[in-house]
Amino acid sequence: LVMDLFAPLCEKMGDESEAAALRGRAVACRAAVEAHAWDGDHYTRATFDDGRVIGSDRSEENTIDLLPQAFAVLCGGLKEERVALAMETAWQRLYDDKLRLLRLFTPAFRNLPAGYIAAYPAGVRENAGQYTHGALFYLLALLRQGQTDRAFQLLRDCNPAERCRMTQTAARYQGEPYALAGDVAAHPDEPGRAGWTQYTGAAGWFYRIVLEEMFGLHRQGELLTVRPALPPALWRATLRLRLAGTPLTLHFRLSAPCRTGVTLPLNGKAREITLTTDRTGRLRAQIDSCNKGEDLVY
């Protein structure tokens, strides 16, 4: 993924040879993943120096890890049927519908020398609890696959306000309703309890995924591209925000999954925009300006 993203920057700097080398290495890495990291229904995570594999059904601990399955989608270029199976396997084996959390891996490290995370009790933080960074990368992968309903379910599970909506779940969660938890425990003594809440960078990923991936807002200079990936539950939603000094009210009134996007100007004038789809999923935007004669349809 990094090599794919960096190659165009090399081209812009006039370094064509380095761009070609990066792309060649990316192809070789994908081939190695397919040849050595496929484990029948998911991708493995890593290998010890002595050849023992982490994230394999052959492993003593950590028989499946969330991150390789998510990044199989995010990096692209792997066999589609394998990637789809790996994502489904991760959901079936790592999602806990009773605790409403998605484990980073299972089972926990107890004996393998896996570094500092093995010092945590089983089911706490990175040691087979929900590590929210990982859950959000998986959520992002779901959206890229078009699995909007499952993505929305996981988004609500991660949302601290949802965790605190009911007295019983709030008492178990014990975290603030306004601060995303960096982790959620799967330990039998503290099931579903929030971990660190006031520092995690996962909050930034949560915010970006909602705005940029689900609602599909991408700003480039004074232009805004909208291409939502919303579940049916959010086909009728209203979003208010300010971008590039432009106050925006976006009314989503979709009738089908969105297949296209629209690009709109940001000129500092307050805009009220209604977004609709036709039966084919084509997105249209009706812009209502505060100034008469400026109403536009895109």
C-alpha atoms as a PDB file:
ATOM      1  CA  LEU A   1       0.000   0.000   0.000  1.00  0.00           C
ATOM      2  CA  VAL A   2       2.764   2.441   0.943  1.00  0.00           C
ATOM      3  CA  MET A   3       4.743   1.624  -2.196  1.00  0.00           C
ATOM      4  CA  ASP A   4       1.650   2.059  -4.382  1.00  0.00           C
ATOM      5  CA  LEU A   5       0.938   5.452  -2.834  1.00  0.00           C
ATOM      6  CA  PHE A   6       4.541   6.636  -2.938  1.00  0.00           C
ATOM      7  CA  ALA A   7       5.207   5.713  -6.580  1.00  0.00           C
ATOM      8  CA  PRO A   8       3.113   8.603  -8.038  1.00  0.00           C
ATOM      9  CA  LEU A   9       4.993  11.041  -5.780  1.00  0.00           C
ATOM     10  CA  CYS A  10       8.272   9.791  -7.235  1.00  0.00           C
ATOM     11  CA  GLU A  11       6.874  10.382 -10.731  1.00  0.00           C
ATOM     12  CA  LYS A  12       5.904  13.944  -9.824  1.00  0.00           C
ATOM     13  CA  MET A  13       9.480  14.493  -8.653  1.00  0.00           C
ATOM     14  CA  GLY A  14      10.762  13.146 -11.969  1.00  0.00           C
ATOM     15  CA  ASP A  15      12.173   9.926 -10.490  1.00  0.00           C
ATOM     16  CA  GLU A  16      10.617   7.442 -12.929  1.00  0.00           C
ATOM     17  CA  SER A  17      13.068   4.657 -12.108  1.00  0.00           C
ATOM     18  CA  GLU A  18      12.248   4.707  -8.394  1.00  0.00           C
ATOM     19  CA  ALA A  19       8.510   4.770  -9.184  1.00  0.00           C
ATOM     20  CA  ALA A  20       8.894   1.685 -11.368  1.00  0.00           C
ATOM     21  CA  ALA A  21      10.990  -0.053  -8.714  1.00  0.00           C
ATOM     22  CA  LEU A  22       8.380   0.617  -6.029  1.00  0.00           C
ATOM     23  CA  ARG A  23       5.604  -0.756  -8.202  1.00  0.00           C
ATOM     24  CA  GLY A  24       7.678  -3.834  -8.975  1.00  0.00           C
ATOM     25  CA  ARG A  25       8.300  -4.455  -5.269  1.00  0.00           C
ATOM     26  CA  ALA A  26       4.594  -4.056  -4.534  1.00  0.00           C
ATOM     27  CA  VAL A  27       3.790  -6.750  -7.108  1.00  0.00           C
ATOM     28  CA  ALA A  28       6.428  -9.033  -5.594  1.00  0.00           C
ATOM     29  CA  CYS A  29       5.057  -8.474  -2.073  1.00  0.00           C
ATOM     30  CA  ARG A  30       1.538  -9.401  -3.166  1.00  0.00           C
ATOM     31  CA  ALA A  31       2.816 -12.541  -4.857  1.00  0.00           C
ATOM     32  CA  ALA A  32       4.670 -13.517  -1.671  1.00  0.00           C
ATOM     33  CA  VAL A  33       1.535 -12.948   0.417  1.00  0.00           C
ATOM     34  CA  GLU A  34      -0.517 -15.192  -1.835  1.00  0.00           C
ATOM     35  CA  ALA A  35       2.190 -17.867  -1.909  1.00  0.00           C
ATOM     36  CA  HIS A  36       3.109 -17.945   1.785  1.00  0.00           C
ATOM     37  CA  ALA A  37       0.461 -16.179   3.916  1.00  0.00           C
ATOM     38  CA  TRP A  38      -2.789 -17.857   2.825  1.00  0.00           C
ATOM     39  CA  ASP A  39      -4.074 -20.241   5.490  1.00  0.00           C
ATOM     40  CA  GLY A  40      -7.113 -21.799   3.824  1.00  0.00           C
ATOM     41  CA  ASP A  41      -9.727 -19.225   4.810  1.00  0.00           C
ATOM     42  CA  HIS A  42      -7.706 -16.222   6.016  1.00  0.00           C
ATOM     43  CA  TYR A  43      -4.288 -14.566   5.828  1.00  0.00           C
ATOM     44  CA  THR A  44      -1.619 -15.075   8.505  1.00  0.00           C
ATOM     45  CA  ARG A  45      -0.062 -12.220  10.472  1.00  0.00           C
ATOM     46  CA  ALA A  46       3.666 -12.881  10.894  1.00  0.00           C
ATOM     47  CA  THR A  47       6.418 -15.472  11.271  1.00  0.00           C
ATOM     48  CA  PHE A  48       8.957 -15.984  14.059  1.00  0.00           C
ATOM     49  CA  ASP A  49      12.623 -16.423  13.170  1.00  0.00           C
ATOM     50  CA  ASP A  50      12.283 -20.144  13.874  1.00  0.00           C
ATOM     51  CA  GLY A  51       9.452 -20.475  11.340  1.00  0.00           C
ATOM     52  CA  ARG A  52       6.485 -20.556  13.713  1.00  0.00           C
ATOM     53  CA  VAL A  53       3.528 -18.665  12.262  1.00  0.00           C
ATOM     54  CA  ILE A  54       1.295 -16.143  14.024  1.00  0.00           C
ATOM     55  CA  GLY A  55      -2.313 -15.909  12.899  1.00  0.00           C
ATOM     56  CA  SER A  56      -2.548 -19.427  11.492  1.00  0.00           C
ATOM     57  CA  ASP A  57      -4.693 -22.395  12.445  1.00  0.00           C
ATOM     58  CA  ARG A  58      -1.354 -24.128  12.927  1.00  0.00           C
ATOM     59  CA  SER A  59      -0.443 -21.595  15.636  1.00  0.00           C
ATOM     60  CA  GLU A  60      -0.487 -22.410  19.327  1.00  0.00           C
ATOM     61  CA  GLU A  61      -2.051 -18.987  20.042  1.00  0.00           C
ATOM     62  CA  ASN A  62      -3.475 -16.267  17.822  1.00  0.00           C
ATOM     63  CA  THR A  63      -4.962 -18.519  15.165  1.00  0.00           C
ATOM     64  CA  ILE A  64      -6.562 -15.610  13.295  1.00  0.00           C
ATOM     65  CA  ASP A  65      -5.643 -11.924  13.366  1.00  0.00           C
ATOM     66  CA  LEU A  66      -7.956  -9.097  12.291  1.00  0.00           C
ATOM     67  CA  LEU A  67      -5.427  -6.783  10.644  1.00  0.00           C
ATOM     68  CA  PRO A  68      -4.226  -8.988   7.743  1.00  0.00           C
ATOM     69  CA  GLN A  69      -7.819  -9.540   6.667  1.00  0.00           C
ATOM     70  CA  ALA A  70      -8.634  -5.821   6.736  1.00  0.00           C
ATOM     71  CA  PHE A  71      -5.466  -4.817   4.898  1.00  0.00           C
ATOM     72  CA  ALA A  72      -6.026  -7.496   2.285  1.00  0.00           C
ATOM     73  CA  VAL A  73      -8.906  -5.222   1.225  1.00  0.00           C
ATOM     74  CA  LEU A  74      -7.217  -1.874   1.843  1.00  0.00           C
ATOM     75  CA  CYS A  75      -4.014  -2.742  -0.020  1.00  0.00           C
ATOM     76  CA  GLY A  76      -5.835  -4.261  -2.999  1.00  0.00           C
ATOM     77  CA  GLY A  77      -4.368  -6.505  -5.675  1.00  0.00           C
ATOM     78  CA  LEU A  78      -4.955  -9.860  -3.945  1.00  0.00           C
ATOM     79  CA  LYS A  79      -7.281 -12.612  -5.136  1.00  0.00           C
ATOM     80  CA  GLU A  80     -10.815 -11.320  -4.691  1.00  0.00           C
ATOM     81  CA  GLU A  81     -12.342 -14.643  -3.669  1.00  0.00           C
ATOM     82  CA  ARG A  82      -9.690 -15.108  -0.988  1.00  0.00           C
ATOM     83  CA  VAL A  83     -10.116 -11.581   0.322  1.00  0.00           C
ATOM     84  CA  ALA A  84     -13.898 -11.971   0.570  1.00  0.00           C
ATOM     85  CA  LEU A  85     -13.525 -15.283   2.420  1.00  0.00           C
ATOM     86  CA  ALA A  86     -10.884 -13.828   4.765  1.00  0.00           C
ATOM     87  CA  MET A  87     -13.130 -10.906   5.728  1.00  0.00           C
ATOM     88  CA  GLU A  88     -16.069 -13.219   6.409  1.00  0.00           C
ATOM     89  CA  THR A  89     -13.904 -15.618   8.417  1.00  0.00           C
ATOM     90  CA  ALA A  90     -12.640 -12.727  10.550  1.00  0.00           C
ATOM     91  CA  TRP A  91     -16.185 -11.623  11.317  1.00  0.00           C
ATOM     92  CA  GLN A  92     -17.368 -15.107  12.203  1.00  0.00           C
ATOM     93  CA  ARG A  93     -14.417 -15.864  14.480  1.00  0.00           C
ATOM     94  CA  LEU A  94     -13.605 -12.472  16.001  1.00  0.00           C
ATOM     95  CA  TYR A  95     -16.920 -10.658  16.435  1.00  0.00           C
ATOM     96  CA  ASP A  96     -18.605 -11.163  19.818  1.00  0.00           C
ATOM     97  CA  ASP A  97     -22.303 -10.388  19.409  1.00  0.00           C
ATOM     98  CA  LYS A  98     -22.969 -10.592  23.162  1.00  0.00           C
ATOM     99  CA  LEU A  99     -20.304  -8.045  24.102  1.00  0.00           C
ATOM    100  CA  ARG A 100     -20.666  -6.165  20.784  1.00  0.00           C
ATOM    101  CA  LEU A 101     -16.938  -5.999  20.165  1.00  0.00           C
ATOM    102  CA  LEU A 102     -14.472  -7.166  17.539  1.00  0.00           C
ATOM    103  CA  ARG A 103     -11.360  -8.853  18.912  1.00  0.00           C
ATOM    104  CA  LEU A 104      -7.961  -8.047  17.477  1.00  0.00           C
ATOM    105  CA  PHE A 105      -7.195 -11.776  17.360  1.00  0.00           C
ATOM    106  CA  THR A 106      -8.005 -15.021  19.134  1.00  0.00           C
ATOM    107  CA  PRO A 107      -6.981 -16.885  21.227  1.00  0.00           C
ATOM    108  CA  ALA A 108      -4.849 -14.658  23.445  1.00  0.00           C
ATOM    109  CA  PHE A 109      -1.086 -14.932  23.856  1.00  0.00           C
ATOM    110  CA  ARG A 110      -0.140 -16.804  27.016  1.00  0.00           C
ATOM    111  CA  ASN A 111       3.146 -18.552  26.282  1.00  0.00           C
ATOM    112  CA  LEU A 112       4.494 -17.356  22.925  1.00  0.00           C
ATOM    113  CA  PRO A 113       7.151 -14.582  23.112  1.00  0.00           C
ATOM    114  CA  ALA A 114       4.999 -12.039  21.302  1.00  0.00           C
ATOM    115  CA  GLY A 115       6.412  -8.896  22.896  1.00  0.00           C
ATOM    116  CA  TYR A 116       4.830  -6.484  25.333  1.00  0.00           C
ATOM    117  CA  ILE A 117       1.231  -7.280  24.377  1.00  0.00           C
ATOM    118  CA  ALA A 118       1.620 -10.775  25.863  1.00  0.00           C
ATOM    119  CA  ALA A 119       2.097  -9.095  29.257  1.00  0.00           C
ATOM    120  CA  TYR A 120      -1.533  -7.996  29.253  1.00  0.00           C
ATOM    121  CA  PRO A 121      -4.073 -10.445  30.680  1.00  0.00           C
ATOM    122  CA  ALA A 122      -5.903 -12.493  28.068  1.00  0.00           C
ATOM    123  CA  GLY A 123      -8.684 -10.428  26.526  1.00  0.00           C
ATOM    124  CA  VAL A 124      -7.266  -7.042  27.565  1.00  0.00           C
ATOM    125  CA  ARG A 125      -6.155  -4.401  25.077  1.00  0.00           C
ATOM    126  CA  GLU A 126      -4.019  -5.797  22.234  1.00  0.00           C
ATOM    127  CA  ASN A 127      -3.960  -9.273  23.769  1.00  0.00           C
ATOM    128  CA  ALA A 128      -7.215 -10.496  22.189  1.00  0.00           C
ATOM    129  CA  GLY A 129      -9.438  -7.668  23.343  1.00  0.00           C
ATOM    130  CA  GLN A 130     -10.937  -5.117  20.977  1.00  0.00           C
ATOM    131  CA  TYR A 131      -8.189  -2.736  19.967  1.00  0.00           C
ATOM    132  CA  THR A 132     -10.235   0.026  18.392  1.00  0.00           C
ATOM    133  CA  HIS A 133      -7.687   0.971  15.743  1.00  0.00           C
ATOM    134  CA  GLY A 134      -7.951  -2.565  14.365  1.00  0.00           C
ATOM    135  CA  ALA A 135     -11.752  -2.594  14.545  1.00  0.00           C
ATOM    136  CA  LEU A 136     -11.913   0.664  12.591  1.00  0.00           C
ATOM    137  CA  PHE A 137      -9.509  -0.555   9.905  1.00  0.00           C
ATOM    138  CA  TYR A 138     -11.785  -3.562   9.487  1.00  0.00           C
ATOM    139  CA  LEU A 139     -14.807  -1.220   9.361  1.00  0.00           C
ATOM    140  CA  LEU A 140     -13.075   0.784   6.627  1.00  0.00           C
ATOM    141  CA  ALA A 141     -12.447  -2.439   4.698  1.00  0.00           C
ATOM    142  CA  LEU A 142     -16.150  -3.355   5.006  1.00  0.00           C
ATOM    143  CA  LEU A 143     -17.125  -0.022   3.466  1.00  0.00           C
ATOM    144  CA  ARG A 144     -14.639  -0.489   0.632  1.00  0.00           C
ATOM    145  CA  GLN A 145     -16.290  -3.877  -0.009  1.00  0.00           C
ATOM    146  CA  GLY A 146     -19.770  -2.342  -0.022  1.00  0.00           C
ATOM    147  CA  GLN A 147     -20.849  -4.121   3.174  1.00  0.00           C
ATOM    148  CA  THR A 148     -22.552  -1.011   4.532  1.00  0.00           C
ATOM    149  CA  ASP A 149     -24.986  -2.715   6.918  1.00  0.00           C
ATOM    150  CA  ARG A 150     -22.268  -4.644   8.752  1.00  0.00           C
ATOM    151  CA  ALA A 151     -20.054  -1.555   8.760  1.00  0.00           C
ATOM    152  CA  PHE A 152     -22.838   0.506  10.341  1.00  0.00           C
ATOM    153  CA  GLN A 153     -23.364  -2.184  12.991  1.00  0.00           C
ATOM    154  CA  LEU A 154     -19.663  -2.092  13.895  1.00  0.00           C
ATOM    155  CA  LEU A 155     -19.646   1.704  13.869  1.00  0.00           C
ATOM    156  CA  ARG A 156     -22.484   1.751  16.408  1.00  0.00           C
ATOM    157  CA  ASP A 157     -20.676  -0.857  18.513  1.00  0.00           C
ATOM    158  CA  CYS A 158     -17.590   1.372  18.630  1.00  0.00           C
ATOM    159  CA  ASN A 159     -19.588   4.542  19.328  1.00  0.00           C
ATOM    160  CA  PRO A 160     -19.296   5.367  23.062  1.00  0.00           C
ATOM    161  CA  ALA A 161     -22.649   7.176  23.029  1.00  0.00           C
ATOM    162  CA  GLU A 162     -24.332   3.946  21.911  1.00  0.00           C
ATOM    163  CA  ARG A 163     -22.492   2.024  24.632  1.00  0.00           C
ATOM    164  CA  CYS A 164     -23.883   4.417  27.243  1.00  0.00           C
ATOM    165  CA  ARG A 165     -27.446   4.603  25.932  1.00  0.00           C
ATOM    166  CA  MET A 166     -28.755   1.930  28.326  1.00  0.00           C
ATOM    167  CA  THR A 167     -28.026   1.837  32.061  1.00  0.00           C
ATOM    168  CA  GLN A 168     -26.957  -1.815  32.047  1.00  0.00           C
ATOM    169  CA  THR A 169     -24.490  -1.485  29.172  1.00  0.00           C
ATOM    170  CA  ALA A 170     -23.161   1.848  30.489  1.00  0.00           C
ATOM    171  CA  ALA A 171     -22.456   0.249  33.884  1.00  0.00           C
ATOM    172  CA  ARG A 172     -20.499  -2.494  32.156  1.00  0.00           C
ATOM    173  CA  TYR A 173     -18.692  -0.117  29.773  1.00  0.00           C
ATOM    174  CA  GLN A 174     -17.622   2.429  32.456  1.00  0.00           C
ATOM    175  CA  GLY A 175     -16.307   4.907  29.891  1.00  0.00           C
ATOM    176  CA  GLU A 176     -17.308   8.428  28.938  1.00  0.00           C
ATOM    177  CA  PRO A 177     -20.106   8.647  26.350  1.00  0.00           C
ATOM    178  CA  TYR A 178     -18.218  11.394  24.487  1.00  0.00           C
ATOM    179  CA  ALA A 179     -14.714   9.878  24.194  1.00  0.00           C
ATOM    180  CA  LEU A 180     -13.861   6.876  22.031  1.00  0.00           C
ATOM    181  CA  ALA A 181     -12.191   4.022  23.915  1.00  0.00           C
ATOM    182  CA  GLY A 182      -8.827   2.890  22.637  1.00  0.00           C
ATOM    183  CA  ASP A 183      -9.771  -0.649  23.623  1.00  0.00           C
ATOM    184  CA  VAL A 184     -12.689  -2.664  24.997  1.00  0.00           C
ATOM    185  CA  ALA A 185     -12.015  -5.707  27.185  1.00  0.00           C
ATOM    186  CA  ALA A 186     -13.046  -9.253  26.381  1.00  0.00           C
ATOM    187  CA  HIS A 187     -11.642 -10.550  29.688  1.00  0.00           C
ATOM    188  CA  PRO A 188     -14.189 -12.675  31.604  1.00  0.00           C
ATOM    189  CA  ASP A 189     -13.744 -10.558  34.751  1.00  0.00           C
ATOM    190  CA  GLU A 190     -14.430  -7.244  32.957  1.00  0.00           C
ATOM    191  CA  PRO A 191     -16.339  -8.087  29.763  1.00  0.00           C
ATOM    192  CA  GLY A 192     -17.140  -5.071  27.623  1.00  0.00           C
ATOM    193  CA  ARG A 193     -15.294  -2.570  29.810  1.00  0.00           C
ATOM    194  CA  ALA A 194     -13.733   0.492  28.158  1.00  0.00           C
ATOM    195  CA  GLY A 195      -9.986   0.916  28.250  1.00  0.00           C
ATOM    196  CA  TRP A 196      -8.058   4.152  27.719  1.00  0.00           C
ATOM    197  CA  THR A 197     -10.412   6.852  26.427  1.00  0.00           C
ATOM    198  CA  GLN A 198      -8.707  10.237  26.458  1.00  0.00           C
ATOM    199  CA  TYR A 199      -5.755   9.776  24.150  1.00  0.00           C
ATOM    200  CA  THR A 200      -6.458   7.339  21.352  1.00  0.00           C
ATOM    201  CA  GLY A 201      -5.781   8.208  17.732  1.00  0.00           C
ATOM    202  CA  ALA A 202      -8.612   5.828  16.852  1.00  0.00           C
ATOM    203  CA  ALA A 203     -10.950   8.776  17.497  1.00  0.00           C
ATOM    204  CA  GLY A 204      -9.437  10.527  14.483  1.00  0.00           C
ATOM    205  CA  TRP A 205      -9.940   7.434  12.326  1.00  0.00           C
ATOM    206  CA  PHE A 206     -13.536   7.149  13.536  1.00  0.00           C
ATOM    207  CA  TYR A 207     -14.191  10.778  12.528  1.00  0.00           C
ATOM    208  CA  ARG A 208     -12.541  10.387   9.128  1.00  0.00           C
ATOM    209  CA  ILE A 209     -14.315   7.124   8.338  1.00  0.00           C
ATOM    210  CA  VAL A 210     -17.726   8.649   9.093  1.00  0.00           C
ATOM    211  CA  LEU A 211     -17.137  11.813   7.062  1.00  0.00           C
ATOM    212  CA  GLU A 212     -14.899  10.598   4.243  1.00  0.00           C
ATOM    213  CA  GLU A 213     -16.017   7.007   3.745  1.00  0.00           C
ATOM    214  CA  MET A 214     -19.641   6.684   4.900  1.00  0.00           C
ATOM    215  CA  PHE A 215     -20.813  10.150   3.882  1.00  0.00           C
ATOM    216  CA  GLY A 216     -18.175  10.229   1.153  1.00  0.00           C
ATOM    217  CA  LEU A 217     -16.918  13.808   1.550  1.00  0.00           C
ATOM    218  CA  HIS A 218     -13.545  14.577  -0.047  1.00  0.00           C
ATOM    219  CA  ARG A 219     -12.238  18.125  -0.313  1.00  0.00           C
ATOM    220  CA  GLN A 220      -9.627  19.256  -2.828  1.00  0.00           C
ATOM    221  CA  GLY A 221      -8.979  22.963  -2.616  1.00  0.00           C
ATOM    222  CA  GLU A 222     -12.295  24.734  -3.240  1.00  0.00           C
ATOM    223  CA  LEU A 223     -14.042  21.631  -4.559  1.00  0.00           C
ATOM    224  CA  LEU A 224     -16.016  19.046  -2.625  1.00  0.00           C
ATOM    225  CA  THR A 225     -16.611  15.561  -4.036  1.00  0.00           C
ATOM    226  CA  VAL A 226     -19.468  13.573  -2.497  1.00  0.00           C
ATOM    227  CA  ARG A 227     -19.752   9.817  -3.020  1.00  0.00           C
ATOM    228  CA  PRO A 228     -21.496   8.239  -0.023  1.00  0.00           C
ATOM    229  CA  ALA A 229     -21.364   4.611   1.065  1.00  0.00           C
ATOM    230  CA  LEU A 230     -24.343   4.767   3.408  1.00  0.00           C
ATOM    231  CA  PRO A 231     -26.379   1.859   4.789  1.00  0.00           C
ATOM    232  CA  PRO A 232     -30.140   2.027   4.157  1.00  0.00           C
ATOM    233  CA  ALA A 233     -30.585   3.191   7.775  1.00  0.00           C
ATOM    234  CA  LEU A 234     -28.844   6.453   6.820  1.00  0.00           C
ATOM    235  CA  TRP A 235     -30.325   7.006   3.363  1.00  0.00           C
ATOM    236  CA  ARG A 236     -32.342   9.826   4.952  1.00  0.00           C
ATOM    237  CA  ALA A 237     -29.846  11.827   6.982  1.00  0.00           C
ATOM    238  CA  THR A 238     -28.802  15.456   7.406  1.00  0.00           C
ATOM    239  CA  LEU A 239     -25.210  16.589   7.913  1.00  0.00           C
ATOM    240  CA  ARG A 240     -24.197  20.131   8.902  1.00  0.00           C
ATOM    241  CA  LEU A 241     -20.581  21.269   8.726  1.00  0.00           C
ATOM    242  CA  ARG A 242     -18.247  24.032   7.519  1.00  0.00           C
ATOM    243  CA  LEU A 243     -15.586  23.405   4.858  1.00  0.00           C
ATOM    244  CA  ALA A 244     -13.212  26.008   3.422  1.00  0.00           C
ATOM    245  CA  GLY A 245     -15.264  28.709   5.133  1.00  0.00           C
ATOM    246  CA  THR A 246     -18.458  27.462   3.482  1.00  0.00           C
ATOM    247  CA  PRO A 247     -21.373  26.552   5.794  1.00  0.00           C
ATOM    248  CA  LEU A 248     -23.015  23.430   4.366  1.00  0.00           C
ATOM    249  CA  THR A 249     -26.210  21.571   5.119  1.00  0.00           C
ATOM    250  CA  LEU A 250     -26.326  18.253   3.277  1.00  0.00           C
ATOM    251  CA  HIS A 251     -29.649  16.423   3.070  1.00  0.00           C
ATOM    252  CA  PHE A 252     -29.178  12.800   1.980  1.00  0.00           C
ATOM    253  CA  ARG A 253     -32.378  11.469   0.439  1.00  0.00           C
ATOM    254  CA  LEU A 254     -31.194   8.278  -1.241  1.00  0.00           C
ATOM    255  CA  SER A 255     -33.407   5.605  -2.752  1.00  0.00           C
ATOM    256  CA  ALA A 256     -30.684   3.164  -3.867  1.00  0.00           C
ATOM    257  CA  PRO A 257     -27.009   2.424  -3.130  1.00  0.00           C
ATOM    258  CA  CYS A 258     -24.861   5.192  -4.588  1.00  0.00           C
ATOM    259  CA  ARG A 259     -22.805   4.191  -7.652  1.00  0.00           C
ATOM    260  CA  THR A 260     -21.461   7.611  -8.699  1.00  0.00           C
ATOM    261  CA  GLY A 261     -20.352  10.875  -7.110  1.00  0.00           C
ATOM    262  CA  VAL A 262     -20.757  14.604  -7.656  1.00  0.00           C
ATOM    263  CA  THR A 263     -18.261  17.469  -7.349  1.00  0.00           C
ATOM    264  CA  LEU A 264     -19.500  20.759  -5.912  1.00  0.00           C
ATOM    265  CA  PRO A 265     -17.934  24.217  -5.484  1.00  0.00           C
ATOM    266  CA  LEU A 266     -16.961  25.668  -2.110  1.00  0.00           C
ATOM    267  CA  ASN A 267     -17.118  29.455  -2.417  1.00  0.00           C
ATOM    268  CA  GLY A 268     -17.822  30.671   1.101  1.00  0.00           C
ATOM    269  CA  LYS A 269     -21.558  31.078   0.518  1.00  0.00           C
ATOM    270  CA  ALA A 270     -23.951  29.151   2.723  1.00  0.00           C
ATOM    271  CA  ARG A 271     -25.340  26.182   0.827  1.00  0.00           C
ATOM    272  CA  GLU A 272     -28.178  23.771   1.423  1.00  0.00           C
ATOM    273  CA  ILE A 273     -27.704  20.687  -0.723  1.00  0.00           C
ATOM    274  CA  THR A 274     -30.127  17.833  -1.308  1.00  0.00           C
ATOM    275  CA  LEU A 275     -28.552  14.603  -2.584  1.00  0.00           C
ATOM    276  CA  THR A 276     -30.670  11.930  -4.262  1.00  0.00           C
ATOM    277  CA  THR A 277     -30.126   8.742  -6.240  1.00  0.00           C
ATOM    278  CA  ASP A 278     -32.097   7.273  -9.100  1.00  0.00           C
ATOM    279  CA  ARG A 279     -32.804   3.564  -9.549  1.00  0.00           C
ATOM    280  CA  THR A 280     -29.375   3.011 -11.128  1.00  0.00           C
ATOM    281  CA  GLY A 281     -27.566   4.580  -8.160  1.00  0.00           C
ATOM    282  CA  ARG A 282     -26.595   7.778  -9.982  1.00  0.00           C
ATOM    283  CA  LEU A 283     -26.116  10.595  -7.477  1.00  0.00           C
ATOM    284  CA  ARG A 284     -27.630  14.030  -8.128  1.00  0.00           C
ATOM    285  CA  ALA A 285     -27.233  17.215  -6.100  1.00  0.00           C
ATOM    286  CA  GLN A 286     -29.691  20.099  -5.883  1.00  0.00           C
ATOM    287  CA  ILE A 287     -27.983  23.185  -4.485  1.00  0.00           C
ATOM    288  CA  ASP A 288     -30.220  25.815  -2.918  1.00  0.00           C
ATOM    289  CA  SER A 289     -28.290  29.057  -2.452  1.00  0.00           C
ATOM    290  CA  CYS A 290     -29.230  31.975  -0.254  1.00  0.00           C
ATOM    291  CA  ASN A 291     -29.091  34.146  -3.395  1.00  0.00           C
ATOM    292  CA  LYS A 292     -31.899  33.839  -5.884  1.00  0.00           C
ATOM    293  CA  GLY A 293     -30.943  32.708  -9.353  1.00  0.00           C
ATOM    294  CA  GLU A 294     -28.047  30.576  -8.111  1.00  0.00           C
ATOM    295  CA  ASP A 295     -29.843  27.289  -7.588  1.00  0.00           C
ATOM    296  CA  LEU A 296     -27.976  24.512  -9.398  1.00  0.00           C
ATOM    297  CA  VAL A 297     -28.397  20.832 -10.158  1.00  0.00           C
ATOM    298  CA  TYR A 298     -25.370  18.549 -10.525  1.00  0.00           C
END
